[in-house]
Amino acid sequence: MNWKQLAVGPVQANAAIIWNGERDALIIDPGAEGNKISGEVERLGLKPVAVLLTHAHFDHIGAVDFIRNHYGIPVYLHKKEAEWMEDPALNGSSLFPMVEDIVAKPADELIEQERKLAIESFSIDVYETPGHSPGSVSFYFEDLDVVFSGDALFQGSIGRTDLPLGNHDQLIRSIHKRLLTLPENTIVASGHGPVTTIEQEMTSNPFLNGFTI
């Protein structure tokens, strides 16, 4: 399998494309610039089979309807944010004057708990990592040694918790219990910024060091 990220939209959120040897593909967090994402999919000769959302903030869902309709594929989202797609106040787009209100159709499939998710030939471990938002999840691909952490964990930082329903202590617990327990060589593909590793964040992230769960 292979993967890559594309920075999209006004706040440069990372959309991700994961594909296998059969050229089937998953798209994670198509936050904006649907034509840019689909253009890369087509350049690589891929056939998308699903959209996975780490959470439903506007910068991660802005192109979700474009991608869903363009390829006729389902969208997966945690049930705690099921109403956020249609509500600019919940998805945060109404809070930022530089973006238009984002309204998208509801997700097709709701994630209700941590589990191994099977989509076509893909096997994805879904970890609940709330704190940045109540329904935040991380998608771990063991075969790739990569976890897509959304806005939970960044290189040298963590997700903001000052948006509606954010919870700093909950986020720290999520990172320690669900992400830092992954193998140290695991690549962390964050929702913004460069990639990092679990080992790097365990040893040098100032927001995590010295915290006792």
Protein backbone atom coordinates (compact mmCIF):
# COMPACT_ATOMS: atom_id res chain seq x y z
CA MET A 1 0.00 0.00 0.00
CA ASN A 2 0.93 3.62 -0.48
CA TRP A 3 -0.25 6.99 0.81
CA LYS A 4 0.26 10.70 0.40
CA GLN A 5 -1.08 13.95 1.82
CA LEU A 6 -2.26 17.11 0.07
CA ALA A 7 -2.54 20.45 1.89
CA VAL A 8 -5.82 22.10 0.90
CA GLY A 9 -7.93 25.12 1.72
CA PRO A 10 -7.37 28.42 3.51
CA VAL A 11 -5.85 26.81 6.62
CA GLN A 12 -3.91 24.15 4.69
CA ALA A 13 -5.53 21.08 6.21
CA ASN A 14 -4.04 17.77 5.10
CA ALA A 15 -6.24 15.55 2.97
CA ALA A 16 -4.85 12.05 2.52
CA ILE A 17 -5.08 9.38 -0.14
CA ILE A 18 -4.30 5.74 0.67
CA TRP A 19 -4.23 3.11 -2.05
CA ASN A 20 -3.45 -0.56 -2.53
CA GLY A 21 -2.09 -2.76 -5.27
CA GLU A 22 -5.51 -3.06 -6.88
CA ARG A 23 -5.61 0.77 -7.14
CA ASP A 24 -8.54 0.99 -4.74
CA ALA A 25 -8.26 4.12 -2.60
CA LEU A 26 -9.50 5.75 0.58
CA ILE A 27 -9.68 9.51 0.96
CA ILE A 28 -9.27 10.98 4.44
CA ASP A 29 -10.51 14.48 5.33
CA PRO A 30 -11.22 16.12 1.95
CA GLY A 31 -11.34 19.58 3.51
CA ALA A 32 -11.35 21.78 0.41
CA GLU A 33 -10.24 21.97 -3.21
CA GLY A 34 -12.11 18.92 -4.41
CA ASN A 35 -10.70 19.34 -7.92
CA LYS A 36 -7.14 19.23 -6.56
CA ILE A 37 -7.86 16.01 -4.67
CA SER A 38 -9.70 14.32 -7.54
CA GLY A 39 -7.01 15.46 -9.97
CA GLU A 40 -4.37 13.68 -7.90
CA VAL A 41 -6.57 10.58 -7.62
CA GLU A 42 -6.94 10.49 -11.37
CA ARG A 43 -3.23 11.21 -11.99
CA LEU A 44 -2.44 8.15 -9.87
CA GLY A 45 -5.05 6.04 -11.66
CA LEU A 46 -7.00 5.20 -8.50
CA LYS A 47 -10.57 4.13 -7.75
CA PRO A 48 -11.82 5.64 -4.46
CA VAL A 49 -14.07 3.39 -2.38
CA ALA A 50 -14.78 5.54 0.70
CA VAL A 51 -14.19 8.82 2.51
CA LEU A 52 -13.01 8.66 6.13
CA LEU A 53 -13.38 11.71 8.37
CA THR A 54 -11.24 12.13 11.46
CA HIS A 55 -13.74 14.75 12.65
CA ALA A 56 -16.25 17.20 11.22
CA HIS A 57 -14.65 20.63 11.53
CA PHE A 58 -15.10 22.73 8.41
CA ASP A 59 -11.50 22.53 7.25
CA HIS A 60 -11.77 18.73 7.06
CA ILE A 61 -15.19 18.42 5.36
CA GLY A 62 -15.35 21.30 2.87
CA ALA A 63 -14.98 19.09 -0.22
CA VAL A 64 -16.67 15.99 1.16
CA ASP A 65 -19.81 16.32 -0.95
CA PHE A 66 -17.79 16.99 -4.09
CA ILE A 67 -15.72 13.83 -3.54
CA ARG A 68 -18.70 11.72 -2.42
CA ASN A 69 -20.80 12.73 -5.44
CA HIS A 70 -17.94 12.58 -7.94
CA TYR A 71 -17.09 8.98 -7.09
CA GLY A 72 -20.40 7.75 -5.64
CA ILE A 73 -18.79 6.55 -2.40
CA PRO A 74 -19.85 6.49 1.28
CA VAL A 75 -18.59 8.83 4.00
CA TYR A 76 -17.64 7.53 7.46
CA LEU A 77 -17.83 9.75 10.58
CA HIS A 78 -18.14 9.22 14.33
CA LYS A 79 -21.73 9.33 15.55
CA LYS A 80 -20.98 12.06 18.12
CA GLU A 81 -20.57 14.49 15.24
CA ALA A 82 -23.39 13.21 13.06
CA GLU A 83 -25.17 16.59 13.12
CA TRP A 84 -22.07 18.68 12.48
CA MET A 85 -22.00 18.23 8.71
CA GLU A 86 -25.15 20.29 8.25
CA ASP A 87 -24.52 22.89 10.97
CA PRO A 88 -21.97 25.71 10.42
CA ALA A 89 -22.05 26.57 14.12
CA LEU A 90 -21.01 23.05 15.09
CA ASN A 91 -18.49 22.47 12.30
CA GLY A 92 -16.97 25.85 13.07
CA SER A 93 -17.25 27.48 9.66
CA SER A 94 -19.52 30.23 11.02
CA LEU A 95 -16.82 31.18 13.55
CA PHE A 96 -14.21 32.15 10.96
CA PRO A 97 -14.95 35.14 8.70
CA MET A 98 -12.37 34.06 6.11
CA VAL A 99 -14.45 31.01 5.08
CA GLU A 100 -17.99 30.56 3.84
CA ASP A 101 -20.46 28.58 5.92
CA ILE A 102 -19.94 24.88 5.21
CA VAL A 103 -23.03 22.70 4.88
CA ALA A 104 -22.66 19.08 3.78
CA LYS A 105 -24.99 16.11 3.61
CA PRO A 106 -24.92 13.71 6.60
CA ALA A 107 -22.39 10.91 6.69
CA ASP A 108 -23.49 7.63 5.16
CA GLU A 109 -21.89 5.42 7.83
CA LEU A 110 -21.55 6.32 11.51
CA ILE A 111 -18.70 4.97 13.60
CA GLU A 112 -20.13 4.05 17.00
CA GLN A 113 -17.09 2.66 18.80
CA GLU A 114 -13.46 1.69 18.42
CA ARG A 115 -13.14 -1.24 16.08
CA LYS A 116 -11.38 -2.71 13.08
CA LEU A 117 -13.05 -1.28 10.03
CA ALA A 118 -13.07 -3.36 6.85
CA ILE A 119 -13.69 -1.50 3.60
CA GLU A 120 -13.10 -3.53 0.44
CA SER A 121 -9.60 -4.97 0.99
CA PHE A 122 -8.59 -2.28 3.51
CA SER A 123 -8.31 -3.06 7.22
CA ILE A 124 -8.27 0.05 9.43
CA ASP A 125 -8.02 0.27 13.21
CA VAL A 126 -10.27 3.08 14.41
CA TYR A 127 -9.27 4.72 17.69
CA GLU A 128 -11.45 7.22 19.50
CA THR A 129 -9.25 10.25 20.26
CA PRO A 130 -11.64 12.94 21.51
CA GLY A 131 -10.63 16.26 22.99
CA HIS A 132 -10.11 18.49 19.97
CA SER A 133 -13.73 17.59 19.24
CA PRO A 134 -16.01 14.99 20.86
CA GLY A 135 -16.06 12.62 17.90
CA SER A 136 -12.44 12.83 16.84
CA VAL A 137 -10.97 9.52 15.70
CA SER A 138 -7.58 8.38 14.44
CA PHE A 139 -7.15 5.82 11.67
CA TYR A 140 -4.23 3.40 12.10
CA PHE A 141 -2.94 1.37 9.17
CA GLU A 142 -0.68 -1.28 10.66
CA ASP A 143 0.59 -2.43 7.27
CA LEU A 144 1.80 1.09 6.51
CA ASP A 145 3.05 1.93 10.01
CA VAL A 146 1.06 5.16 9.87
CA VAL A 147 -1.71 6.73 11.92
CA PHE A 148 -3.84 9.55 10.58
CA SER A 149 -4.41 11.54 13.75
CA GLY A 150 -6.59 14.35 12.47
CA ASP A 151 -6.18 17.35 14.77
CA ALA A 152 -5.33 15.35 17.88
CA LEU A 153 -1.52 15.22 17.59
CA PHE A 154 0.90 17.35 15.57
CA GLN A 155 4.66 17.61 15.27
CA GLY A 156 5.63 19.27 18.56
CA SER A 157 2.06 20.25 19.37
CA ILE A 158 -1.51 19.09 19.98
CA GLY A 159 -4.93 20.09 18.71
CA ARG A 160 -6.60 23.26 19.91
CA THR A 161 -9.38 22.81 22.46
CA ASP A 162 -10.88 26.31 22.53
CA LEU A 163 -13.53 25.51 19.91
CA PRO A 164 -17.04 24.40 21.00
CA LEU A 165 -16.98 21.11 22.98
CA GLY A 166 -13.18 20.94 23.03
CA ASN A 167 -11.61 19.46 26.18
CA HIS A 168 -7.88 19.81 26.87
CA ASP A 169 -7.58 17.14 29.58
CA GLN A 170 -9.56 14.67 27.49
CA LEU A 171 -7.29 15.31 24.49
CA ILE A 172 -4.14 14.67 26.53
CA ARG A 173 -5.61 11.41 27.83
CA SER A 174 -6.58 10.37 24.31
CA ILE A 175 -3.08 10.95 23.00
CA HIS A 176 -1.44 9.02 25.83
CA LYS A 177 -3.86 6.10 25.85
CA ARG A 178 -4.54 5.69 22.13
CA LEU A 179 -1.62 7.15 20.18
CA LEU A 180 1.50 6.95 22.32
CA THR A 181 0.81 3.23 22.86
CA LEU A 182 1.40 2.58 19.15
CA PRO A 183 4.82 1.29 18.02
CA GLU A 184 7.41 4.04 18.31
CA ASN A 185 8.28 3.87 14.60
CA THR A 186 4.67 4.69 13.64
CA ILE A 187 4.43 7.71 11.37
CA VAL A 188 1.91 10.31 12.56
CA ALA A 189 0.20 11.93 9.58
CA SER A 190 -1.44 14.94 11.20
CA GLY A 191 -4.36 17.04 10.04
CA HIS A 192 -2.05 20.03 9.54
CA GLY A 193 1.68 20.43 9.06
CA PRO A 194 4.47 17.89 8.57
CA VAL A 195 4.54 14.25 9.52
CA THR A 196 6.21 13.09 12.70
CA THR A 197 6.61 9.81 14.59
CA ILE A 198 5.29 8.44 17.85
CA GLU A 199 8.85 8.22 19.17
CA GLN A 200 9.55 11.87 18.36
CA GLU A 201 6.42 13.07 20.12
CA MET A 202 7.01 10.83 23.13
CA THR A 203 10.45 12.32 23.66
CA SER A 204 10.14 15.95 22.58
CA ASN A 205 6.53 17.17 22.49
CA PRO A 206 6.33 19.85 25.24
CA PHE A 207 2.57 19.43 25.61
CA LEU A 208 2.92 15.75 26.53
CA ASN A 209 6.06 15.50 28.61
CA GLY A 210 5.51 15.26 32.34
CA PHE A 211 1.77 14.57 32.10
CA THR A 212 0.45 11.72 34.25
CA ILE A 213 -2.78 10.02 33.21
